[in-house]
Amino acid sequence: TFTCGTKKNEIEGTGGCIVIEILERQEEVDDTEAAKYFFTDLAEANGNVVSEIFNQKVWDVGCLDVSGGSNETTNGNTNLIPRLSARIKACTCSGLQSIAPLRNQELLEEGKSPIVDVELAVARLEAVETDLLISLSMPVSEEGANANKGDTKTGLSSLFLEVLQSLEIKDWSLFG
């Protein structure tokens, strides 16, 4: 059982994985290309060939004021990371990656697909020279890709949205 915020999400036994990485900010990468850059970097690190990236988007996220976050921004767009105490750009995408080419790979259990659905968000923390990378990887059933995400407005699953909406940085000195 994975607990995020106040709601429980049953992902035990699914093979799903949530990873949060604190990385040096990639100044040379434009916001419009950041999600694709990190998605491709992840795929290459795993020996993968990226077939397609879906739903690439740049968002304005974080608190609108010091009183707290809201799930909506002033222009009506979804605020993906409302608990963040700074206004920043966040970049998201999703896509499929193959785990078949991994080195030293053991044979997959019968019925397991070598395809993984990856959702990725990059919080571009320019003030502290950091890119905060959040990814959710879920195995794809043998019947096909999980192309139908839970939220048509964002193109992201409800689980990944909940992870992002519960993200909060309590101590900014972590980045200094």
N, C-alpha and C. Protein backbone atom coordinates (compact mmCIF):
# COMPACT_ATOMS: atom_id res chain seq x y z
N THR A 1 0.84 -1.19 0.00
CA THR A 1 0.00 0.00 0.00
C THR A 1 0.88 1.24 0.00
N PHE A 2 0.58 2.15 -0.89
CA PHE A 2 1.29 3.41 -0.98
C PHE A 2 0.37 4.50 -0.46
N THR A 3 0.84 5.26 0.53
CA THR A 3 0.02 6.34 1.08
C THR A 3 0.57 7.66 0.60
N CYS A 4 -0.31 8.46 0.04
CA CYS A 4 0.08 9.76 -0.48
C CYS A 4 -0.98 10.75 -0.03
N GLY A 5 -0.59 11.76 0.72
CA GLY A 5 -1.59 12.68 1.25
C GLY A 5 -2.48 11.94 2.23
N THR A 6 -3.79 12.00 2.01
CA THR A 6 -4.70 11.33 2.92
C THR A 6 -5.39 10.13 2.28
N LYS A 7 -5.14 9.90 1.01
CA LYS A 7 -5.80 8.82 0.28
C LYS A 7 -4.82 7.67 0.07
N LYS A 8 -5.29 6.43 0.21
CA LYS A 8 -4.44 5.26 -0.02
C LYS A 8 -4.63 4.77 -1.44
N ASN A 9 -3.52 4.42 -2.05
CA ASN A 9 -3.55 3.85 -3.40
C ASN A 9 -2.96 2.46 -3.33
N GLU A 10 -3.70 1.49 -3.79
CA GLU A 10 -3.23 0.11 -3.76
C GLU A 10 -2.38 -0.17 -4.99
N ILE A 11 -1.06 -0.14 -4.84
CA ILE A 11 -0.18 -0.49 -5.95
C ILE A 11 0.72 -1.66 -5.57
N GLU A 12 0.53 -2.20 -4.36
CA GLU A 12 1.35 -3.31 -3.92
C GLU A 12 1.21 -4.47 -4.88
N GLY A 13 2.32 -5.04 -5.28
CA GLY A 13 2.31 -6.19 -6.16
C GLY A 13 2.17 -5.86 -7.63
N THR A 14 2.07 -4.60 -7.98
CA THR A 14 1.91 -4.23 -9.39
C THR A 14 3.24 -4.09 -10.09
N GLY A 15 4.31 -3.97 -9.34
CA GLY A 15 5.62 -3.73 -9.94
C GLY A 15 5.87 -2.26 -10.20
N GLY A 16 4.95 -1.40 -9.73
CA GLY A 16 5.09 0.04 -9.92
C GLY A 16 6.20 0.61 -9.04
N CYS A 17 6.75 1.74 -9.48
CA CYS A 17 7.86 2.35 -8.76
C CYS A 17 7.79 3.86 -8.88
N ILE A 18 7.87 4.56 -7.75
CA ILE A 18 7.94 6.02 -7.73
C ILE A 18 9.36 6.40 -7.32
N VAL A 19 9.99 7.28 -8.11
CA VAL A 19 11.36 7.71 -7.82
C VAL A 19 11.39 9.24 -7.83
N ILE A 20 12.05 9.82 -6.82
CA ILE A 20 12.27 11.27 -6.78
C ILE A 20 13.77 11.49 -6.72
N GLU A 21 14.28 12.26 -7.69
CA GLU A 21 15.71 12.53 -7.78
C GLU A 21 15.97 14.03 -7.67
N ILE A 22 16.99 14.39 -6.92
CA ILE A 22 17.44 15.78 -6.82
C ILE A 22 18.67 15.90 -7.71
N LEU A 23 18.54 16.68 -8.79
CA LEU A 23 19.59 16.77 -9.79
C LEU A 23 20.06 18.22 -9.97
N GLU A 24 21.30 18.36 -10.40
CA GLU A 24 21.80 19.69 -10.74
C GLU A 24 20.98 20.23 -11.92
N ARG A 25 20.59 21.48 -11.83
CA ARG A 25 19.75 22.08 -12.88
C ARG A 25 20.49 22.07 -14.20
N GLN A 26 19.80 21.66 -15.23
CA GLN A 26 20.34 21.63 -16.59
C GLN A 26 19.98 22.95 -17.26
N GLU A 27 20.84 23.96 -17.08
CA GLU A 27 20.59 25.31 -17.60
C GLU A 27 20.41 25.34 -19.11
N GLU A 28 21.13 24.47 -19.82
CA GLU A 28 21.09 24.49 -21.27
C GLU A 28 19.81 23.89 -21.84
N VAL A 29 18.99 23.26 -20.99
CA VAL A 29 17.76 22.63 -21.44
C VAL A 29 16.59 23.59 -21.20
N ASP A 30 15.91 23.95 -22.28
CA ASP A 30 14.75 24.84 -22.21
C ASP A 30 13.58 24.12 -21.53
N ASP A 31 12.72 24.88 -20.86
CA ASP A 31 11.55 24.30 -20.20
C ASP A 31 10.71 23.46 -21.15
N THR A 32 10.57 23.91 -22.39
CA THR A 32 9.73 23.20 -23.35
C THR A 32 10.30 21.83 -23.72
N GLU A 33 11.59 21.61 -23.47
CA GLU A 33 12.24 20.35 -23.81
C GLU A 33 12.67 19.54 -22.58
N ALA A 34 12.47 20.07 -21.37
CA ALA A 34 13.00 19.44 -20.16
C ALA A 34 12.43 18.04 -19.92
N ALA A 35 11.12 17.87 -20.02
CA ALA A 35 10.53 16.55 -19.76
C ALA A 35 11.07 15.52 -20.75
N LYS A 36 11.11 15.89 -22.02
CA LYS A 36 11.63 14.99 -23.06
C LYS A 36 13.10 14.66 -22.80
N TYR A 37 13.88 15.67 -22.41
CA TYR A 37 15.31 15.48 -22.13
C TYR A 37 15.51 14.43 -21.03
N PHE A 38 14.79 14.57 -19.91
CA PHE A 38 14.96 13.64 -18.80
C PHE A 38 14.36 12.27 -19.10
N PHE A 39 13.27 12.22 -19.85
CA PHE A 39 12.67 10.95 -20.25
C PHE A 39 13.65 10.16 -21.12
N THR A 40 14.26 10.84 -22.08
CA THR A 40 15.23 10.21 -22.97
C THR A 40 16.47 9.79 -22.20
N ASP A 41 16.93 10.64 -21.27
CA ASP A 41 18.09 10.32 -20.45
C ASP A 41 17.84 9.06 -19.61
N LEU A 42 16.65 8.95 -19.03
CA LEU A 42 16.28 7.77 -18.25
C LEU A 42 16.27 6.53 -19.13
N ALA A 43 15.69 6.65 -20.30
CA ALA A 43 15.63 5.52 -21.23
C ALA A 43 17.04 5.07 -21.65
N GLU A 44 17.90 6.02 -21.98
CA GLU A 44 19.26 5.68 -22.40
C GLU A 44 20.05 5.05 -21.26
N ALA A 45 19.85 5.52 -20.04
CA ALA A 45 20.54 4.95 -18.89
C ALA A 45 20.14 3.49 -18.67
N ASN A 46 18.92 3.15 -19.07
CA ASN A 46 18.43 1.78 -18.93
C ASN A 46 18.65 0.95 -20.18
N GLY A 47 19.36 1.50 -21.17
CA GLY A 47 19.63 0.77 -22.40
C GLY A 47 18.42 0.68 -23.31
N ASN A 48 17.49 1.59 -23.18
CA ASN A 48 16.25 1.55 -23.94
C ASN A 48 16.30 2.41 -25.19
N VAL A 49 15.40 2.11 -26.07
CA VAL A 49 15.10 2.97 -27.20
C VAL A 49 13.71 3.51 -26.95
N VAL A 50 13.55 4.83 -26.89
CA VAL A 50 12.26 5.44 -26.63
C VAL A 50 11.44 5.39 -27.91
N SER A 51 10.26 4.82 -27.81
CA SER A 51 9.44 4.74 -29.02
C SER A 51 8.60 6.00 -29.20
N GLU A 52 7.96 6.47 -28.15
CA GLU A 52 7.12 7.66 -28.29
C GLU A 52 6.91 8.30 -26.92
N ILE A 53 6.84 9.61 -26.93
CA ILE A 53 6.55 10.38 -25.72
C ILE A 53 5.22 11.08 -25.94
N PHE A 54 4.35 11.00 -24.92
CA PHE A 54 3.01 11.58 -25.00
C PHE A 54 2.85 12.75 -24.04
N ASN A 55 1.91 13.61 -24.32
CA ASN A 55 1.42 14.61 -23.37
C ASN A 55 2.51 15.50 -22.77
N GLN A 56 3.44 15.95 -23.58
CA GLN A 56 4.50 16.82 -23.09
C GLN A 56 3.91 18.22 -22.87
N LYS A 57 4.14 18.79 -21.67
CA LYS A 57 3.55 20.08 -21.34
C LYS A 57 4.38 20.81 -20.29
N VAL A 58 4.34 22.15 -20.33
CA VAL A 58 4.99 22.99 -19.32
C VAL A 58 3.88 23.66 -18.51
N TRP A 59 4.04 23.68 -17.19
CA TRP A 59 3.03 24.21 -16.27
C TRP A 59 3.63 25.28 -15.37
N ASP A 60 2.82 26.24 -14.95
CA ASP A 60 3.16 27.14 -13.85
C ASP A 60 2.57 26.49 -12.60
N VAL A 61 3.41 26.21 -11.61
CA VAL A 61 2.94 25.49 -10.42
C VAL A 61 3.42 26.18 -9.15
N GLY A 62 2.90 25.72 -8.03
CA GLY A 62 3.29 26.23 -6.73
C GLY A 62 2.26 27.18 -6.17
N CYS A 63 2.52 27.63 -4.96
CA CYS A 63 1.58 28.50 -4.25
C CYS A 63 1.44 29.84 -4.96
N LEU A 64 0.21 30.29 -5.03
CA LEU A 64 -0.06 31.61 -5.59
C LEU A 64 0.24 32.69 -4.56
N ASP A 65 0.16 32.34 -3.29
CA ASP A 65 0.49 33.26 -2.20
C ASP A 65 0.94 32.44 -1.00
N VAL A 66 1.39 33.09 0.05
CA VAL A 66 1.94 32.38 1.20
C VAL A 66 0.89 31.69 2.05
N SER A 67 -0.39 31.94 1.81
CA SER A 67 -1.44 31.33 2.62
C SER A 67 -1.67 29.87 2.29
N GLY A 68 -1.12 29.39 1.18
CA GLY A 68 -1.27 27.98 0.85
C GLY A 68 -1.60 27.78 -0.61
N GLY A 69 -1.52 26.53 -1.04
CA GLY A 69 -1.72 26.20 -2.44
C GLY A 69 -3.16 25.93 -2.78
N SER A 70 -3.41 25.96 -4.05
CA SER A 70 -4.72 25.64 -4.60
C SER A 70 -4.51 24.71 -5.78
N ASN A 71 -5.50 23.87 -6.06
CA ASN A 71 -5.39 22.98 -7.21
C ASN A 71 -5.67 23.70 -8.52
N GLU A 72 -6.05 24.96 -8.47
CA GLU A 72 -6.31 25.74 -9.67
C GLU A 72 -5.42 26.98 -9.67
N THR A 73 -4.97 27.38 -10.85
CA THR A 73 -4.21 28.61 -10.98
C THR A 73 -5.18 29.73 -11.35
N THR A 74 -4.69 30.96 -11.40
CA THR A 74 -5.57 32.09 -11.70
C THR A 74 -6.16 32.01 -13.10
N ASN A 75 -5.51 31.33 -14.02
CA ASN A 75 -6.05 31.21 -15.38
C ASN A 75 -6.86 29.93 -15.58
N GLY A 76 -7.16 29.22 -14.48
CA GLY A 76 -8.01 28.04 -14.56
C GLY A 76 -7.29 26.74 -14.88
N ASN A 77 -5.97 26.79 -15.08
CA ASN A 77 -5.22 25.57 -15.34
C ASN A 77 -5.00 24.79 -14.05
N THR A 78 -4.76 23.50 -14.17
CA THR A 78 -4.48 22.67 -13.01
C THR A 78 -3.13 23.06 -12.41
N ASN A 79 -3.09 23.21 -11.10
CA ASN A 79 -1.84 23.46 -10.38
C ASN A 79 -1.33 22.10 -9.92
N LEU A 80 -0.40 21.53 -10.65
CA LEU A 80 0.07 20.18 -10.37
C LEU A 80 0.76 20.02 -9.03
N ILE A 81 1.43 21.08 -8.56
CA ILE A 81 2.18 20.99 -7.29
C ILE A 81 1.75 22.16 -6.39
N PRO A 82 0.53 22.15 -5.89
CA PRO A 82 0.00 23.30 -5.15
C PRO A 82 0.65 23.55 -3.80
N ARG A 83 1.31 22.55 -3.21
CA ARG A 83 1.92 22.72 -1.88
C ARG A 83 3.33 23.30 -1.92
N LEU A 84 3.84 23.52 -3.10
CA LEU A 84 5.17 24.10 -3.25
C LEU A 84 5.09 25.58 -2.90
N SER A 85 6.00 26.05 -2.06
CA SER A 85 5.92 27.42 -1.55
C SER A 85 6.55 28.46 -2.48
N ALA A 86 6.88 28.07 -3.69
CA ALA A 86 7.43 29.00 -4.68
C ALA A 86 6.72 28.77 -6.01
N ARG A 87 6.62 29.81 -6.82
CA ARG A 87 6.07 29.67 -8.17
C ARG A 87 7.20 29.27 -9.10
N ILE A 88 7.03 28.17 -9.79
CA ILE A 88 8.07 27.65 -10.69
C ILE A 88 7.42 27.07 -11.94
N LYS A 89 8.26 26.65 -12.87
CA LYS A 89 7.82 25.89 -14.03
C LYS A 89 8.00 24.40 -13.71
N ALA A 90 7.02 23.61 -14.12
CA ALA A 90 7.14 22.15 -14.05
C ALA A 90 6.83 21.62 -15.44
N CYS A 91 7.55 20.59 -15.83
CA CYS A 91 7.41 20.02 -17.16
C CYS A 91 7.04 18.56 -17.00
N THR A 92 6.04 18.10 -17.76
CA THR A 92 5.58 16.73 -17.64
C THR A 92 5.52 16.05 -19.00
N CYS A 93 5.59 14.72 -18.95
CA CYS A 93 5.35 13.90 -20.12
C CYS A 93 5.10 12.48 -19.65
N SER A 94 4.64 11.66 -20.56
CA SER A 94 4.51 10.23 -20.30
C SER A 94 4.91 9.50 -21.57
N GLY A 95 5.17 8.22 -21.44
CA GLY A 95 5.56 7.44 -22.60
C GLY A 95 5.85 6.01 -22.21
N LEU A 96 6.29 5.25 -23.19
CA LEU A 96 6.58 3.83 -22.97
C LEU A 96 8.07 3.58 -23.10
N GLN A 97 8.59 2.70 -22.24
CA GLN A 97 9.98 2.28 -22.33
C GLN A 97 10.02 0.77 -22.24
N SER A 98 11.00 0.18 -22.89
CA SER A 98 11.18 -1.27 -22.86
C SER A 98 12.26 -1.62 -21.86
N ILE A 99 11.98 -2.61 -21.00
CA ILE A 99 13.02 -3.07 -20.07
C ILE A 99 13.76 -4.28 -20.62
N ALA A 100 13.40 -4.72 -21.82
CA ALA A 100 14.01 -5.90 -22.43
C ALA A 100 15.52 -5.78 -22.61
N PRO A 101 16.06 -4.61 -23.03
CA PRO A 101 17.49 -4.57 -23.29
C PRO A 101 18.38 -4.40 -22.05
N LEU A 102 17.81 -4.41 -20.84
CA LEU A 102 18.64 -4.20 -19.65
C LEU A 102 19.74 -5.26 -19.57
N ARG A 103 20.92 -4.80 -19.21
CA ARG A 103 22.05 -5.72 -19.04
C ARG A 103 21.83 -6.61 -17.82
N ASN A 104 22.35 -7.82 -17.88
CA ASN A 104 22.27 -8.77 -16.77
C ASN A 104 20.82 -9.04 -16.36
N GLN A 105 19.91 -8.92 -17.29
CA GLN A 105 18.50 -9.11 -16.99
C GLN A 105 18.17 -10.59 -16.84
N GLU A 106 17.41 -10.89 -15.81
CA GLU A 106 16.89 -12.24 -15.67
C GLU A 106 15.65 -12.35 -16.54
N LEU A 107 15.25 -13.55 -16.85
CA LEU A 107 14.05 -13.74 -17.64
C LEU A 107 12.85 -13.19 -16.89
N LEU A 108 11.95 -12.55 -17.60
CA LEU A 108 10.73 -12.04 -17.00
C LEU A 108 9.82 -13.20 -16.63
N GLU A 109 9.09 -13.02 -15.54
CA GLU A 109 8.11 -14.03 -15.15
C GLU A 109 7.09 -14.18 -16.28
N GLU A 110 6.54 -15.37 -16.40
CA GLU A 110 5.55 -15.63 -17.44
C GLU A 110 4.37 -14.67 -17.29
N GLY A 111 3.94 -14.10 -18.40
CA GLY A 111 2.82 -13.17 -18.39
C GLY A 111 3.20 -11.73 -18.13
N LYS A 112 4.47 -11.46 -17.80
CA LYS A 112 4.92 -10.09 -17.54
C LYS A 112 5.39 -9.44 -18.84
N SER A 113 4.98 -8.22 -19.04
CA SER A 113 5.34 -7.48 -20.25
C SER A 113 6.69 -6.79 -20.06
N PRO A 114 7.51 -6.71 -21.12
CA PRO A 114 8.77 -5.98 -21.03
C PRO A 114 8.60 -4.48 -21.26
N ILE A 115 7.35 -4.01 -21.34
CA ILE A 115 7.07 -2.59 -21.58
C ILE A 115 6.62 -1.92 -20.29
N VAL A 116 7.16 -0.73 -20.03
CA VAL A 116 6.83 0.03 -18.83
C VAL A 116 6.28 1.39 -19.24
N ASP A 117 5.17 1.76 -18.61
CA ASP A 117 4.56 3.08 -18.80
C ASP A 117 5.25 4.02 -17.81
N VAL A 118 5.87 5.09 -18.31
CA VAL A 118 6.60 6.02 -17.46
C VAL A 118 5.93 7.39 -17.52
N GLU A 119 5.59 7.94 -16.34
CA GLU A 119 5.11 9.31 -16.21
C GLU A 119 6.20 10.09 -15.50
N LEU A 120 6.48 11.28 -15.99
CA LEU A 120 7.62 12.03 -15.47
C LEU A 120 7.25 13.50 -15.30
N ALA A 121 7.72 14.09 -14.21
CA ALA A 121 7.57 15.53 -13.97
C ALA A 121 8.92 16.08 -13.52
N VAL A 122 9.24 17.26 -14.03
CA VAL A 122 10.48 17.94 -13.64
C VAL A 122 10.08 19.28 -13.03
N ALA A 123 10.35 19.45 -11.74
CA ALA A 123 10.14 20.74 -11.08
C ALA A 123 11.43 21.52 -11.26
N ARG A 124 11.38 22.63 -12.00
CA ARG A 124 12.57 23.40 -12.34
C ARG A 124 12.80 24.46 -11.27
N LEU A 125 13.62 24.14 -10.29
CA LEU A 125 13.88 25.01 -9.14
C LEU A 125 15.09 25.90 -9.42
N GLU A 126 14.86 26.90 -10.26
CA GLU A 126 15.94 27.76 -10.73
C GLU A 126 16.67 28.47 -9.58
N ALA A 127 15.94 28.94 -8.58
CA ALA A 127 16.53 29.72 -7.48
C ALA A 127 17.56 28.92 -6.68
N VAL A 128 17.41 27.58 -6.67
CA VAL A 128 18.36 26.74 -5.95
C VAL A 128 19.15 25.83 -6.90
N GLU A 129 19.14 26.20 -8.20
CA GLU A 129 19.92 25.51 -9.23
C GLU A 129 19.70 24.00 -9.23
N THR A 130 18.42 23.61 -9.17
CA THR A 130 18.06 22.20 -9.04
C THR A 130 16.91 21.84 -9.98
N ASP A 131 16.98 20.64 -10.52
CA ASP A 131 15.85 20.03 -11.22
C ASP A 131 15.40 18.86 -10.34
N LEU A 132 14.17 18.91 -9.88
CA LEU A 132 13.61 17.84 -9.06
C LEU A 132 12.81 16.94 -9.99
N LEU A 133 13.28 15.72 -10.17
CA LEU A 133 12.70 14.78 -11.11
C LEU A 133 11.84 13.76 -10.37
N ILE A 134 10.57 13.67 -10.74
CA ILE A 134 9.64 12.72 -10.13
C ILE A 134 9.14 11.81 -11.24
N SER A 135 9.26 10.50 -11.04
CA SER A 135 8.79 9.57 -12.07
C SER A 135 8.00 8.43 -11.45
N LEU A 136 7.01 7.97 -12.20
CA LEU A 136 6.21 6.80 -11.84
C LEU A 136 6.31 5.82 -12.99
N SER A 137 6.78 4.61 -12.70
CA SER A 137 6.88 3.57 -13.72
C SER A 137 5.94 2.44 -13.34
N MET A 138 5.11 2.03 -14.30
CA MET A 138 4.15 0.94 -14.08
C MET A 138 4.25 -0.03 -15.25
N PRO A 139 4.30 -1.34 -14.96
CA PRO A 139 4.32 -2.31 -16.05
C PRO A 139 3.04 -2.21 -16.88
N VAL A 140 3.18 -2.43 -18.16
CA VAL A 140 2.04 -2.40 -19.08
C VAL A 140 1.55 -3.83 -19.24
N SER A 141 0.26 -4.02 -19.20
CA SER A 141 -0.29 -5.36 -19.37
C SER A 141 0.04 -5.86 -20.77
N GLU A 142 0.07 -7.17 -20.93
CA GLU A 142 0.38 -7.74 -22.24
C GLU A 142 -0.65 -7.35 -23.29
N GLU A 143 -1.86 -6.98 -22.86
CA GLU A 143 -2.90 -6.61 -23.81
C GLU A 143 -2.61 -5.29 -24.50
N GLY A 144 -1.79 -4.44 -23.88
CA GLY A 144 -1.48 -3.18 -24.55
C GLY A 144 -1.09 -2.10 -23.58
N ALA A 145 -0.79 -0.95 -24.15
CA ALA A 145 -0.31 0.19 -23.38
C ALA A 145 -1.43 0.81 -22.57
N ASN A 146 -1.04 1.44 -21.48
CA ASN A 146 -1.98 2.16 -20.63
C ASN A 146 -2.18 3.56 -21.19
N ALA A 147 -2.57 3.65 -22.45
CA ALA A 147 -2.64 4.93 -23.14
C ALA A 147 -3.73 5.84 -22.58
N ASN A 148 -4.75 5.28 -21.97
CA ASN A 148 -5.85 6.09 -21.44
C ASN A 148 -5.55 6.47 -20.00
N LYS A 149 -5.02 7.65 -19.81
CA LYS A 149 -4.71 8.14 -18.46
C LYS A 149 -5.98 8.58 -17.76
N GLY A 150 -5.94 8.65 -16.44
CA GLY A 150 -7.12 8.98 -15.67
C GLY A 150 -7.63 10.39 -15.86
N ASP A 151 -6.77 11.35 -16.17
CA ASP A 151 -7.17 12.75 -16.25
C ASP A 151 -6.90 13.28 -17.66
N THR A 152 -7.96 13.59 -18.39
CA THR A 152 -7.78 14.04 -19.77
C THR A 152 -7.21 15.45 -19.86
N LYS A 153 -7.40 16.26 -18.82
CA LYS A 153 -6.89 17.64 -18.83
C LYS A 153 -5.36 17.66 -18.75
N THR A 154 -4.78 16.76 -17.95
CA THR A 154 -3.34 16.75 -17.75
C THR A 154 -2.63 15.65 -18.53
N GLY A 155 -3.34 14.60 -18.90
CA GLY A 155 -2.72 13.46 -19.55
C GLY A 155 -1.94 12.57 -18.59
N LEU A 156 -2.17 12.74 -17.28
CA LEU A 156 -1.46 11.99 -16.26
C LEU A 156 -2.43 11.13 -15.45
N SER A 157 -1.95 10.02 -14.90
CA SER A 157 -2.80 9.14 -14.11
C SER A 157 -3.19 9.80 -12.79
N SER A 158 -4.27 9.34 -12.22
CA SER A 158 -4.72 9.89 -10.94
C SER A 158 -3.69 9.64 -9.84
N LEU A 159 -3.00 8.50 -9.88
CA LEU A 159 -1.97 8.21 -8.88
C LEU A 159 -0.83 9.21 -9.00
N PHE A 160 -0.34 9.47 -10.22
CA PHE A 160 0.77 10.40 -10.39
C PHE A 160 0.34 11.82 -10.01
N LEU A 161 -0.87 12.21 -10.36
CA LEU A 161 -1.38 13.53 -9.96
C LEU A 161 -1.40 13.66 -8.45
N GLU A 162 -1.81 12.61 -7.76
CA GLU A 162 -1.86 12.68 -6.30
C GLU A 162 -0.45 12.81 -5.70
N VAL A 163 0.50 12.10 -6.28
CA VAL A 163 1.89 12.23 -5.82
C VAL A 163 2.35 13.68 -5.97
N LEU A 164 2.13 14.26 -7.14
CA LEU A 164 2.55 15.64 -7.40
C LEU A 164 1.83 16.62 -6.49
N GLN A 165 0.53 16.45 -6.31
CA GLN A 165 -0.26 17.38 -5.51
C GLN A 165 0.05 17.29 -4.02
N SER A 166 0.69 16.21 -3.59
CA SER A 166 1.06 16.09 -2.17
C SER A 166 2.52 16.49 -1.92
N LEU A 167 3.27 16.75 -2.99
CA LEU A 167 4.69 17.10 -2.86
C LEU A 167 4.84 18.45 -2.16
N GLU A 168 5.66 18.45 -1.14
CA GLU A 168 5.90 19.66 -0.36
C GLU A 168 7.36 19.70 0.06
N ILE A 169 8.02 20.84 -0.13
CA ILE A 169 9.40 21.00 0.33
C ILE A 169 9.34 21.78 1.64
N LYS A 170 9.70 21.12 2.73
CA LYS A 170 9.60 21.74 4.05
C LYS A 170 10.89 22.46 4.45
N ASP A 171 12.02 22.06 3.88
CA ASP A 171 13.30 22.67 4.24
C ASP A 171 14.11 22.93 2.97
N TRP A 172 14.07 24.19 2.51
CA TRP A 172 14.75 24.57 1.28
C TRP A 172 16.27 24.53 1.42
N SER A 173 16.80 24.47 2.65
CA SER A 173 18.26 24.42 2.82
C SER A 173 18.82 23.08 2.34
N LEU A 174 17.95 22.12 2.09
CA LEU A 174 18.35 20.85 1.51
C LEU A 174 19.09 21.05 0.20
N PHE A 175 18.78 22.12 -0.51
CA PHE A 175 19.33 22.37 -1.84
C PHE A 175 20.57 23.27 -1.83
N GLY A 176 21.03 23.68 -0.67
CA GLY A 176 22.14 24.63 -0.64
C GLY A 176 23.44 24.12 -0.20
